[in-house]
Amino acid sequence: MILWDNLAGIVFTAMVLALIVVSVPMLLDLMDTPAALAIRTSIRAVLANPGPVALWEVPVTAVLLPDCLQLGPGPCNRAPGSQTR
């Protein structure tokens, strides 16, 4: 069960990354760009360059992994209303 949850998380993360890696900077830089065009451009860029995009994701994963494993003081370990001592 844990394996399937992790695989689902990896697939979801890859899809989100493909959607935003180019589209968000494109929308911020070019204010008159339609969102659909930015998303299509982002997906095409990821499909054309999967290696560099995956390599770019490694440092992001390295920063977030300890928190997801509940080893760090990040937001995953702080539930709303919890008391810290």
C-alpha atoms as a PDB file:
ATOM      1  CA  MET A   1       0.000   0.000   0.000  1.00  0.00           C
ATOM      2  CA  ILE A   2       2.802   2.418   0.854  1.00  0.00           C
ATOM      3  CA  LEU A   3       4.484   1.671  -2.474  1.00  0.00           C
ATOM      4  CA  TRP A   4       1.327   2.594  -4.405  1.00  0.00           C
ATOM      5  CA  ASP A   5       0.921   5.779  -2.373  1.00  0.00           C
ATOM      6  CA  ASN A   6       4.493   6.783  -3.137  1.00  0.00           C
ATOM      7  CA  LEU A   7       4.092   6.010  -6.834  1.00  0.00           C
ATOM      8  CA  ALA A   8       0.892   8.045  -6.954  1.00  0.00           C
ATOM      9  CA  GLY A   9       2.708  10.923  -5.268  1.00  0.00           C
ATOM     10  CA  ILE A  10       5.561  10.737  -7.771  1.00  0.00           C
ATOM     11  CA  VAL A  11       3.152  10.767 -10.716  1.00  0.00           C
ATOM     12  CA  PHE A  12       1.178  13.679  -9.264  1.00  0.00           C
ATOM     13  CA  THR A  13       4.362  15.647  -8.561  1.00  0.00           C
ATOM     14  CA  ALA A  14       5.664  15.031 -12.078  1.00  0.00           C
ATOM     15  CA  MET A  15       2.398  16.274 -13.566  1.00  0.00           C
ATOM     16  CA  VAL A  16       2.388  19.418 -11.433  1.00  0.00           C
ATOM     17  CA  LEU A  17       6.027  20.098 -12.286  1.00  0.00           C
ATOM     18  CA  ALA A  18       5.309  19.680 -15.996  1.00  0.00           C
ATOM     19  CA  LEU A  19       2.454  22.150 -15.746  1.00  0.00           C
ATOM     20  CA  ILE A  20       4.233  24.903 -13.808  1.00  0.00           C
ATOM     21  CA  VAL A  21       7.960  24.720 -14.579  1.00  0.00           C
ATOM     22  CA  VAL A  22       7.661  27.008 -17.617  1.00  0.00           C
ATOM     23  CA  SER A  23       4.096  28.304 -17.437  1.00  0.00           C
ATOM     24  CA  VAL A  24       4.360  30.244 -14.160  1.00  0.00           C
ATOM     25  CA  PRO A  25       7.477  32.227 -15.148  1.00  0.00           C
ATOM     26  CA  MET A  26       5.956  32.746 -18.595  1.00  0.00           C
ATOM     27  CA  LEU A  27       2.713  34.113 -17.118  1.00  0.00           C
ATOM     28  CA  LEU A  28       4.612  36.393 -14.729  1.00  0.00           C
ATOM     29  CA  ASP A  29       6.967  37.724 -17.387  1.00  0.00           C
ATOM     30  CA  LEU A  30       4.525  38.074 -20.266  1.00  0.00           C
ATOM     31  CA  MET A  31       1.338  39.433 -18.737  1.00  0.00           C
ATOM     32  CA  ASP A  32      -0.746  39.106 -21.919  1.00  0.00           C
ATOM     33  CA  THR A  33       0.014  35.389 -22.435  1.00  0.00           C
ATOM     34  CA  PRO A  34      -3.067  33.143 -22.235  1.00  0.00           C
ATOM     35  CA  ALA A  35      -2.856  30.498 -19.522  1.00  0.00           C
ATOM     36  CA  ALA A  36      -3.644  27.668 -21.954  1.00  0.00           C
ATOM     37  CA  LEU A  37      -0.721  28.677 -24.171  1.00  0.00           C
ATOM     38  CA  ALA A  38       1.621  28.860 -21.180  1.00  0.00           C
ATOM     39  CA  ILE A  39       0.581  25.394 -19.981  1.00  0.00           C
ATOM     40  CA  ARG A  40       0.961  23.849 -23.449  1.00  0.00           C
ATOM     41  CA  THR A  41       4.398  25.447 -23.770  1.00  0.00           C
ATOM     42  CA  SER A  42       5.424  24.114 -20.371  1.00  0.00           C
ATOM     43  CA  ILE A  43       4.335  20.561 -21.180  1.00  0.00           C
ATOM     44  CA  ARG A  44       6.098  20.660 -24.572  1.00  0.00           C
ATOM     45  CA  ALA A  45       9.289  21.953 -22.932  1.00  0.00           C
ATOM     46  CA  VAL A  46       9.255  19.158 -20.339  1.00  0.00           C
ATOM     47  CA  LEU A  47       8.592  16.476 -22.954  1.00  0.00           C
ATOM     48  CA  ALA A  48      11.406  17.836 -25.139  1.00  0.00           C
ATOM     49  CA  ASN A  49      13.893  18.039 -22.220  1.00  0.00           C
ATOM     50  CA  PRO A  50      13.018  15.421 -19.571  1.00  0.00           C
ATOM     51  CA  GLY A  51      16.606  14.960 -18.365  1.00  0.00           C
ATOM     52  CA  PRO A  52      17.352  18.584 -17.444  1.00  0.00           C
ATOM     53  CA  VAL A  53      13.930  18.973 -15.819  1.00  0.00           C
ATOM     54  CA  ALA A  54      14.456  15.843 -13.722  1.00  0.00           C
ATOM     55  CA  LEU A  55      17.932  17.040 -12.785  1.00  0.00           C
ATOM     56  CA  TRP A  56      16.489  20.407 -11.763  1.00  0.00           C
ATOM     57  CA  GLU A  57      13.993  18.631  -9.492  1.00  0.00           C
ATOM     58  CA  VAL A  58      16.708  16.795  -7.512  1.00  0.00           C
ATOM     59  CA  PRO A  59      17.678  19.782  -5.291  1.00  0.00           C
ATOM     60  CA  VAL A  60      14.015  20.602  -4.697  1.00  0.00           C
ATOM     61  CA  THR A  61      13.374  17.025  -3.595  1.00  0.00           C
ATOM     62  CA  ALA A  62      16.476  17.054  -1.390  1.00  0.00           C
ATOM     63  CA  VAL A  63      15.176  20.114   0.440  1.00  0.00           C
ATOM     64  CA  LEU A  64      11.629  18.777   0.877  1.00  0.00           C
ATOM     65  CA  LEU A  65      12.401  15.105   1.582  1.00  0.00           C
ATOM     66  CA  PRO A  66      13.415  15.445   5.267  1.00  0.00           C
ATOM     67  CA  ASP A  67      10.192  17.291   5.998  1.00  0.00           C
ATOM     68  CA  CYS A  68       8.079  14.710   4.181  1.00  0.00           C
ATOM     69  CA  LEU A  69       9.773  11.978   6.202  1.00  0.00           C
ATOM     70  CA  GLN A  70       8.979  14.040   9.303  1.00  0.00           C
ATOM     71  CA  LEU A  71      12.638  14.515  10.143  1.00  0.00           C
ATOM     72  CA  GLY A  72      12.658  18.283  10.036  1.00  0.00           C
ATOM     73  CA  PRO A  73      10.872  21.246  11.592  1.00  0.00           C
ATOM     74  CA  GLY A  74       8.956  22.086   8.411  1.00  0.00           C
ATOM     75  CA  PRO A  75       5.239  22.614   7.772  1.00  0.00           C
ATOM     76  CA  CYS A  76       4.388  18.894   7.530  1.00  0.00           C
ATOM     77  CA  ASN A  77       5.288  18.524  11.191  1.00  0.00           C
ATOM     78  CA  ARG A  78       3.225  21.433  12.453  1.00  0.00           C
ATOM     79  CA  ALA A  79      -0.452  20.647  12.677  1.00  0.00           C
ATOM     80  CA  PRO A  80      -2.846  23.559  13.199  1.00  0.00           C
ATOM     81  CA  GLY A  81      -3.389  24.111  16.882  1.00  0.00           C
ATOM     82  CA  SER A  82      -0.517  21.881  17.970  1.00  0.00           C
ATOM     83  CA  GLN A  83       1.607  22.901  20.914  1.00  0.00           C
ATOM     84  CA  THR A  84       5.394  23.054  20.499  1.00  0.00           C
ATOM     85  CA  ARG A  85       7.682  23.061  23.502  1.00  0.00           C
END
